[in-house]
PDB file of N, CA and C in Angstrom:
ATOM      1  N   MET A   1     147.569 183.749  41.605  1.00  0.00           N
ATOM      2  CA  MET A   1     148.378 183.052  40.646  1.00  0.00           C
ATOM      3  C   MET A   1     147.534 182.160  39.724  1.00  0.00           C
ATOM      4  N   HIS A   2     146.454 181.606  40.251  1.00  0.00           N
ATOM      5  CA  HIS A   2     145.635 180.676  39.489  1.00  0.00           C
ATOM      6  C   HIS A   2     144.216 181.205  39.397  1.00  0.00           C
ATOM      7  N   GLU A   3     143.643 181.104  38.244  1.00  0.00           N
ATOM      8  CA  GLU A   3     142.258 181.515  38.062  1.00  0.00           C
ATOM      9  C   GLU A   3     141.348 180.454  38.669  1.00  0.00           C
ATOM     10  N   ILE A   4     140.392 180.882  39.450  1.00  0.00           N
ATOM     11  CA  ILE A   4     139.470 179.956  40.102  1.00  0.00           C
ATOM     12  C   ILE A   4     138.131 180.003  39.385  1.00  0.00           C
ATOM     13  N   ASP A   5     137.647 178.837  39.018  1.00  0.00           N
ATOM     14  CA  ASP A   5     136.355 178.727  38.352  1.00  0.00           C
ATOM     15  C   ASP A   5     135.461 177.855  39.221  1.00  0.00           C
ATOM     16  N   ILE A   6     134.637 178.485  40.051  1.00  0.00           N
ATOM     17  CA  ILE A   6     133.762 177.750  40.961  1.00  0.00           C
ATOM     18  C   ILE A   6     132.465 177.440  40.232  1.00  0.00           C
ATOM     19  N   ALA A   7     132.148 176.150  40.130  1.00  0.00           N
ATOM     20  CA  ALA A   7     130.948 175.720  39.409  1.00  0.00           C
ATOM     21  C   ALA A   7     129.739 175.618  40.333  1.00  0.00           C
ATOM     22  N   VAL A   8     129.959 175.288  41.600  1.00  0.00           N
ATOM     23  CA  VAL A   8     128.847 175.049  42.520  1.00  0.00           C
ATOM     24  C   VAL A   8     129.184 175.642  43.886  1.00  0.00           C
ATOM     25  N   TYR A   9     128.232 176.305  44.465  1.00  0.00           N
ATOM     26  CA  TYR A   9     128.320 176.743  45.852  1.00  0.00           C
ATOM     27  C   TYR A   9     127.394 175.856  46.663  1.00  0.00           C
ATOM     28  N   ARG A  10     127.826 175.417  47.811  1.00  0.00           N
ATOM     29  CA  ARG A  10     126.977 174.602  48.666  1.00  0.00           C
ATOM     30  C   ARG A  10     126.976 175.218  50.055  1.00  0.00           C
ATOM     31  N   ILE A  11     125.820 175.627  50.499  1.00  0.00           N
ATOM     32  CA  ILE A  11     125.670 176.214  51.820  1.00  0.00           C
ATOM     33  C   ILE A  11     124.701 175.333  52.596  1.00  0.00           C
ATOM     34  N   LEU A  12     125.136 174.905  53.779  1.00  0.00           N
ATOM     35  CA  LEU A  12     124.313 174.021  54.597  1.00  0.00           C
ATOM     36  C   LEU A  12     123.985 174.671  55.928  1.00  0.00           C
ATOM     37  N   SER A  13     122.778 174.445  56.382  1.00  0.00           N
ATOM     38  CA  SER A  13     122.429 174.843  57.743  1.00  0.00           C
ATOM     39  C   SER A  13     123.009 173.799  58.696  1.00  0.00           C
ATOM     40  N   GLN A  14     123.001 174.089  59.977  1.00  0.00           N
ATOM     41  CA  GLN A  14     123.489 173.114  60.953  1.00  0.00           C
ATOM     42  C   GLN A  14     122.677 171.828  60.880  1.00  0.00           C
ATOM     43  N   LYS A  15     121.380 171.941  60.696  1.00  0.00           N
ATOM     44  CA  LYS A  15     120.506 170.759  60.635  1.00  0.00           C
ATOM     45  C   LYS A  15     120.810 169.933  59.379  1.00  0.00           C
ATOM     46  N   GLU A  16     121.007 170.606  58.238  1.00  0.00           N
ATOM     47  CA  GLU A  16     121.352 169.890  57.004  1.00  0.00           C
ATOM     48  C   GLU A  16     122.716 169.201  57.138  1.00  0.00           C
ATOM     49  N   PHE A  17     123.656 169.888  57.775  1.00  0.00           N
ATOM     50  CA  PHE A  17     124.982 169.313  57.996  1.00  0.00           C
ATOM     51  C   PHE A  17     124.872 168.066  58.867  1.00  0.00           C
ATOM     52  N   GLN A  18     124.116 168.155  59.946  1.00  0.00           N
ATOM     53  CA  GLN A  18     123.937 167.033  60.865  1.00  0.00           C
ATOM     54  C   GLN A  18     123.312 165.846  60.156  1.00  0.00           C
ATOM     55  N   ASN A  19     122.270 166.082  59.384  1.00  0.00           N
ATOM     56  CA  ASN A  19     121.559 164.988  58.725  1.00  0.00           C
ATOM     57  C   ASN A  19     122.322 164.440  57.525  1.00  0.00           C
ATOM     58  N   GLY A  20     122.981 165.302  56.772  1.00  0.00           N
ATOM     59  CA  GLY A  20     123.640 164.873  55.548  1.00  0.00           C
ATOM     60  C   GLY A  20     125.009 164.267  55.743  1.00  0.00           C
ATOM     61  N   ALA A  21     125.731 164.700  56.735  1.00  0.00           N
ATOM     62  CA  ALA A  21     127.090 164.218  56.934  1.00  0.00           C
ATOM     63  C   ALA A  21     127.154 162.985  57.824  1.00  0.00           C
ATOM     64  N   HIS A  22     126.054 162.655  58.469  1.00  0.00           N
ATOM     65  CA  HIS A  22     125.970 161.471  59.336  1.00  0.00           C
ATOM     66  C   HIS A  22     127.021 161.500  60.443  1.00  0.00           C
ATOM     67  N   LEU A  23     127.230 162.672  61.014  1.00  0.00           N
ATOM     68  CA  LEU A  23     128.159 162.817  62.116  1.00  0.00           C
ATOM     69  C   LEU A  23     127.383 162.855  63.420  1.00  0.00           C
ATOM     70  N   TYR A  24     128.020 162.488  64.485  1.00  0.00           N
ATOM     71  CA  TYR A  24     127.374 162.431  65.788  1.00  0.00           C
ATOM     72  C   TYR A  24     126.755 163.769  66.145  1.00  0.00           C
ATOM     73  N   ALA A  25     125.443 163.829  66.159  1.00  0.00           N
ATOM     74  CA  ALA A  25     124.689 165.032  66.529  1.00  0.00           C
ATOM     75  C   ALA A  25     125.183 166.276  65.793  1.00  0.00           C
ATOM     76  N   GLY A  26     125.696 166.090  64.575  1.00  0.00           N
ATOM     77  CA  GLY A  26     126.197 167.221  63.802  1.00  0.00           C
ATOM     78  C   GLY A  26     127.524 167.751  64.283  1.00  0.00           C
ATOM     79  N   ALA A  27     128.241 166.962  65.087  1.00  0.00           N
ATOM     80  CA  ALA A  27     129.510 167.408  65.652  1.00  0.00           C
ATOM     81  C   ALA A  27     130.482 167.784  64.536  1.00  0.00           C
ATOM     82  N   LEU A  28     131.018 168.961  64.596  1.00  0.00           N
ATOM     83  CA  LEU A  28     131.911 169.479  63.579  1.00  0.00           C
ATOM     84  C   LEU A  28     133.100 168.561  63.335  1.00  0.00           C
ATOM     85  N   TYR A  29     133.624 167.954  64.392  1.00  0.00           N
ATOM     86  CA  TYR A  29     134.816 167.124  64.265  1.00  0.00           C
ATOM     87  C   TYR A  29     134.494 165.658  64.028  1.00  0.00           C
ATOM     88  N   GLY A  30     133.225 165.288  63.879  1.00  0.00           N
ATOM     89  CA  GLY A  30     132.865 163.920  63.572  1.00  0.00           C
ATOM     90  C   GLY A  30     132.599 163.059  64.785  1.00  0.00           C
ATOM     91  N   LEU A  31     133.183 163.405  65.902  1.00  0.00           N
ATOM     92  CA  LEU A  31     132.949 162.694  67.154  1.00  0.00           C
ATOM     93  C   LEU A  31     132.414 163.680  68.179  1.00  0.00           C
ATOM     94  N   SER A  32     131.819 163.148  69.198  1.00  0.00           N
ATOM     95  CA  SER A  32     131.351 164.016  70.274  1.00  0.00           C
ATOM     96  C   SER A  32     132.532 164.775  70.862  1.00  0.00           C
ATOM     97  N   PRO A  33     132.360 166.067  71.153  1.00  0.00           N
ATOM     98  CA  PRO A  33     133.447 166.813  71.783  1.00  0.00           C
ATOM     99  C   PRO A  33     133.855 166.233  73.142  1.00  0.00           C
ATOM    100  N   LEU A  34     132.978 165.426  73.719  1.00  0.00           N
ATOM    101  CA  LEU A  34     133.273 164.806  75.011  1.00  0.00           C
ATOM    102  C   LEU A  34     133.978 163.457  74.858  1.00  0.00           C
ATOM    103  N   ALA A  35     134.201 163.023  73.619  1.00  0.00           N
ATOM    104  CA  ALA A  35     134.839 161.722  73.378  1.00  0.00           C
ATOM    105  C   ALA A  35     136.265 161.721  73.916  1.00  0.00           C
ATOM    106  N   SER A  36     136.645 160.598  74.473  1.00  0.00           N
ATOM    107  CA  SER A  36     138.016 160.468  74.985  1.00  0.00           C
ATOM    108  C   SER A  36     138.962 160.153  73.830  1.00  0.00           C
ATOM    109  N   PRO A  37     140.263 160.302  74.039  1.00  0.00           N
ATOM    110  CA  PRO A  37     141.219 159.973  72.984  1.00  0.00           C
ATOM    111  C   PRO A  37     141.091 158.525  72.496  1.00  0.00           C
ATOM    112  N   ALA A  38     140.585 157.637  73.340  1.00  0.00           N
ATOM    113  CA  ALA A  38     140.410 156.235  72.946  1.00  0.00           C
ATOM    114  C   ALA A  38     139.353 156.077  71.861  1.00  0.00           C
ATOM    115  N   ALA A  39     138.474 157.077  71.683  1.00  0.00           N
ATOM    116  CA  ALA A  39     137.420 157.004  70.672  1.00  0.00           C
ATOM    117  C   ALA A  39     137.944 157.333  69.275  1.00  0.00           C
ATOM    118  N   LEU A  40     139.131 157.904  69.194  1.00  0.00           N
ATOM    119  CA  LEU A  40     139.704 158.263  67.900  1.00  0.00           C
ATOM    120  C   LEU A  40     140.174 157.015  67.162  1.00  0.00           C
ATOM    121  N   PHE A  41     140.113 157.053  65.843  1.00  0.00           N
ATOM    122  CA  PHE A  41     140.582 155.935  65.034  1.00  0.00           C
ATOM    123  C   PHE A  41     142.100 155.882  65.063  1.00  0.00           C
ATOM    124  N   LYS A  42     142.646 154.700  64.919  1.00  0.00           N
ATOM    125  CA  LYS A  42     144.095 154.540  64.843  1.00  0.00           C
ATOM    126  C   LYS A  42     144.527 154.740  63.401  1.00  0.00           C
ATOM    127  N   TYR A  43     145.707 155.320  63.188  1.00  0.00           N
ATOM    128  CA  TYR A  43     146.162 155.579  61.831  1.00  0.00           C
ATOM    129  C   TYR A  43     146.548 154.289  61.114  1.00  0.00           C
ATOM    130  N   ARG A  44     146.946 153.267  61.843  1.00  0.00           N
ATOM    131  CA  ARG A  44     147.201 151.949  61.243  1.00  0.00           C
ATOM    132  C   ARG A  44     145.970 151.102  61.538  1.00  0.00           C
ATOM    133  N   SER A  45     145.229 150.758  60.514  1.00  0.00           N
ATOM    134  CA  SER A  45     143.980 150.022  60.714  1.00  0.00           C
ATOM    135  C   SER A  45     144.249 148.521  60.784  1.00  0.00           C
ATOM    136  N   PRO A  46     143.267 147.751  61.265  1.00  0.00           N
ATOM    137  CA  PRO A  46     143.446 146.302  61.298  1.00  0.00           C
ATOM    138  C   PRO A  46     143.412 145.672  59.900  1.00  0.00           C
ATOM    139  N   ILE A  47     143.026 146.440  58.893  1.00  0.00           N
ATOM    140  CA  ILE A  47     142.994 145.949  57.520  1.00  0.00           C
ATOM    141  C   ILE A  47     144.362 146.190  56.891  1.00  0.00           C
ATOM    142  N   ARG A  48     144.955 145.139  56.368  1.00  0.00           N
ATOM    143  CA  ARG A  48     146.306 145.222  55.798  1.00  0.00           C
ATOM    144  C   ARG A  48     146.355 146.293  54.710  1.00  0.00           C
ATOM    145  N   ALA A  49     147.359 147.143  54.764  1.00  0.00           N
ATOM    146  CA  ALA A  49     147.632 148.192  53.780  1.00  0.00           C
ATOM    147  C   ALA A  49     146.596 149.311  53.774  1.00  0.00           C
ATOM    148  N   LEU A  50     145.787 149.428  54.826  1.00  0.00           N
ATOM    149  CA  LEU A  50     144.849 150.550  54.935  1.00  0.00           C
ATOM    150  C   LEU A  50     145.311 151.440  56.082  1.00  0.00           C
ATOM    151  N   TYR A  51     145.641 152.674  55.747  1.00  0.00           N
ATOM    152  CA  TYR A  51     146.093 153.647  56.729  1.00  0.00           C
ATOM    153  C   TYR A  51     145.109 154.805  56.718  1.00  0.00           C
ATOM    154  N   GLN A  52     144.892 155.401  57.872  1.00  0.00           N
ATOM    155  CA  GLN A  52     143.898 156.456  57.994  1.00  0.00           C
ATOM    156  C   GLN A  52     144.534 157.738  58.518  1.00  0.00           C
ATOM    157  N   ALA A  53     143.991 158.853  58.057  1.00  0.00           N
ATOM    158  CA  ALA A  53     144.454 160.150  58.532  1.00  0.00           C
ATOM    159  C   ALA A  53     143.266 161.095  58.540  1.00  0.00           C
ATOM    160  N   GLY A  54     143.298 162.051  59.428  1.00  0.00           N
ATOM    161  CA  GLY A  54     142.231 163.041  59.501  1.00  0.00           C
ATOM    162  C   GLY A  54     141.937 163.427  60.929  1.00  0.00           C
ATOM    163  N   GLN A  55     140.960 164.296  61.087  1.00  0.00           N
ATOM    164  CA  GLN A  55     140.702 164.842  62.419  1.00  0.00           C
ATOM    165  C   GLN A  55     139.993 163.877  63.361  1.00  0.00           C
ATOM    166  N   THR A  56     139.444 162.771  62.857  1.00  0.00           N
ATOM    167  CA  THR A  56     138.881 161.769  63.760  1.00  0.00           C
ATOM    168  C   THR A  56     139.865 160.624  63.988  1.00  0.00           C
ATOM    169  N   THR A  57     141.096 160.818  63.534  1.00  0.00           N
ATOM    170  CA  THR A  57     142.163 159.841  63.713  1.00  0.00           C
ATOM    171  C   THR A  57     143.152 160.383  64.744  1.00  0.00           C
ATOM    172  N   TRP A  58     143.774 159.479  65.508  1.00  0.00           N
ATOM    173  CA  TRP A  58     144.758 159.885  66.504  1.00  0.00           C
ATOM    174  C   TRP A  58     145.820 160.761  65.853  1.00  0.00           C
ATOM    175  N   PRO A  59     146.238 161.889  66.367  1.00  0.00           N
ATOM    176  CA  PRO A  59     146.162 162.346  67.734  1.00  0.00           C
ATOM    177  C   PRO A  59     145.003 163.280  68.070  1.00  0.00           C
ATOM    178  N   GLY A  60     144.094 163.575  67.153  1.00  0.00           N
ATOM    179  CA  GLY A  60     142.931 164.328  67.589  1.00  0.00           C
ATOM    180  C   GLY A  60     142.428 165.374  66.623  1.00  0.00           C
ATOM    181  N   PHE A  61     141.569 166.233  67.160  1.00  0.00           N
ATOM    182  CA  PHE A  61     140.828 167.204  66.376  1.00  0.00           C
ATOM    183  C   PHE A  61     141.694 168.372  65.910  1.00  0.00           C
ATOM    184  N   GLY A  62     141.285 168.973  64.806  1.00  0.00           N
ATOM    185  CA  GLY A  62     141.910 170.194  64.334  1.00  0.00           C
ATOM    186  C   GLY A  62     142.877 169.972  63.186  1.00  0.00           C
ATOM    187  N   ILE A  63     143.289 171.071  62.599  1.00  0.00           N
ATOM    188  CA  ILE A  63     144.133 171.017  61.406  1.00  0.00           C
ATOM    189  C   ILE A  63     145.518 170.453  61.715  1.00  0.00           C
ATOM    190  N   ALA A  64     146.142 170.937  62.757  1.00  0.00           N
ATOM    191  CA  ALA A  64     147.491 170.459  63.083  1.00  0.00           C
ATOM    192  C   ALA A  64     147.492 168.973  63.412  1.00  0.00           C
ATOM    193  N   SER A  65     146.523 168.538  64.190  1.00  0.00           N
ATOM    194  CA  SER A  65     146.445 167.121  64.553  1.00  0.00           C
ATOM    195  C   SER A  65     146.109 166.249  63.351  1.00  0.00           C
ATOM    196  N   ALA A  66     145.250 166.736  62.465  1.00  0.00           N
ATOM    197  CA  ALA A  66     144.937 165.986  61.244  1.00  0.00           C
ATOM    198  C   ALA A  66     146.186 165.818  60.394  1.00  0.00           C
ATOM    199  N   GLY A  67     146.984 166.874  60.308  1.00  0.00           N
ATOM    200  CA  GLY A  67     148.251 166.789  59.574  1.00  0.00           C
ATOM    201  C   GLY A  67     149.207 165.802  60.211  1.00  0.00           C
ATOM    202  N   MET A  68     149.271 165.818  61.539  1.00  0.00           N
ATOM    203  CA  MET A  68     150.144 164.878  62.246  1.00  0.00           C
ATOM    204  C   MET A  68     149.701 163.438  62.019  1.00  0.00           C
ATOM    205  N   SER A  69     148.389 163.203  61.959  1.00  0.00           N
ATOM    206  CA  SER A  69     147.923 161.836  61.718  1.00  0.00           C
ATOM    207  C   SER A  69     148.368 161.368  60.337  1.00  0.00           C
ATOM    208  N   GLY A  70     148.431 162.283  59.369  1.00  0.00           N
ATOM    209  CA  GLY A  70     148.943 161.941  58.045  1.00  0.00           C
ATOM    210  C   GLY A  70     150.410 161.580  58.077  1.00  0.00           C
ATOM    211  N   VAL A  71     151.180 162.333  58.859  1.00  0.00           N
ATOM    212  CA  VAL A  71     152.609 162.031  59.013  1.00  0.00           C
ATOM    213  C   VAL A  71     152.780 160.662  59.670  1.00  0.00           C
ATOM    214  N   MET A  72     151.993 160.394  60.706  1.00  0.00           N
ATOM    215  CA  MET A  72     152.089 159.104  61.401  1.00  0.00           C
ATOM    216  C   MET A  72     151.687 157.953  60.482  1.00  0.00           C
ATOM    217  N   ALA A  73     150.647 158.156  59.679  1.00  0.00           N
ATOM    218  CA  ALA A  73     150.219 157.120  58.731  1.00  0.00           C
ATOM    219  C   ALA A  73     151.311 156.864  57.698  1.00  0.00           C
ATOM    220  N   ALA A  74     151.937 157.919  57.197  1.00  0.00           N
ATOM    221  CA  ALA A  74     153.011 157.770  56.216  1.00  0.00           C
ATOM    222  C   ALA A  74     154.204 157.041  56.822  1.00  0.00           C
ATOM    223  N   GLU A  75     154.549 157.380  58.059  1.00  0.00           N
ATOM    224  CA  GLU A  75     155.666 156.701  58.729  1.00  0.00           C
ATOM    225  C   GLU A  75     155.348 155.225  58.945  1.00  0.00           C
ATOM    226  N   ALA A  76     154.097 154.930  59.326  1.00  0.00           N
ATOM    227  CA  ALA A  76     153.692 153.531  59.515  1.00  0.00           C
ATOM    228  C   ALA A  76     153.760 152.773  58.197  1.00  0.00           C
ATOM    229  N   LEU A  77     153.375 153.419  57.114  1.00  0.00           N
ATOM    230  CA  LEU A  77     153.430 152.801  55.788  1.00  0.00           C
ATOM    231  C   LEU A  77     154.868 152.451  55.430  1.00  0.00           C
ATOM    232  N   VAL A  78     155.772 153.375  55.642  1.00  0.00           N
ATOM    233  CA  VAL A  78     157.194 153.149  55.333  1.00  0.00           C
ATOM    234  C   VAL A  78     157.735 152.009  56.205  1.00  0.00           C
ATOM    235  N   GLN A  79     157.416 152.023  57.487  1.00  0.00           N
ATOM    236  CA  GLN A  79     157.895 150.972  58.403  1.00  0.00           C
ATOM    237  C   GLN A  79     157.364 149.611  57.977  1.00  0.00           C
ATOM    238  N   ASP A  80     156.097 149.540  57.585  1.00  0.00           N
ATOM    239  CA  ASP A  80     155.495 148.269  57.175  1.00  0.00           C
ATOM    240  C   ASP A  80     156.087 147.773  55.868  1.00  0.00           C
ATOM    241  N   GLU A  81     156.458 148.681  54.962  1.00  0.00           N
ATOM    242  CA  GLU A  81     157.070 148.273  53.697  1.00  0.00           C
ATOM    243  C   GLU A  81     158.474 147.736  53.911  1.00  0.00           C
ATOM    244  N   VAL A  82     159.168 148.255  54.925  1.00  0.00           N
ATOM    245  CA  VAL A  82     160.528 147.821  55.225  1.00  0.00           C
ATOM    246  C   VAL A  82     160.515 146.392  55.774  1.00  0.00           C
ATOM    247  N   ARG A  83     159.472 146.061  56.528  1.00  0.00           N
ATOM    248  CA  ARG A  83     159.399 144.728  57.148  1.00  0.00           C
ATOM    249  C   ARG A  83     159.208 143.642  56.166  1.00  0.00           C
TER     250      ARG A  83
END
């Protein structure tokens, strides 16, 4: 449906990814795979009006969980605005 005009291709080796992304030992999900759920960021941060979403945010790794963290952040935002 839409014409795609790609200006730049970026291909990284595992070593380049590890060094450039500043993730724990190049961990794909940003945290060690052995990290407990307590290591994940909370979607409501201690900073007023800052909400977080993504795969390193509760409830965990992967696309579905990253999406859920966005839903939780949005719900927290609405609840905080109501108060």
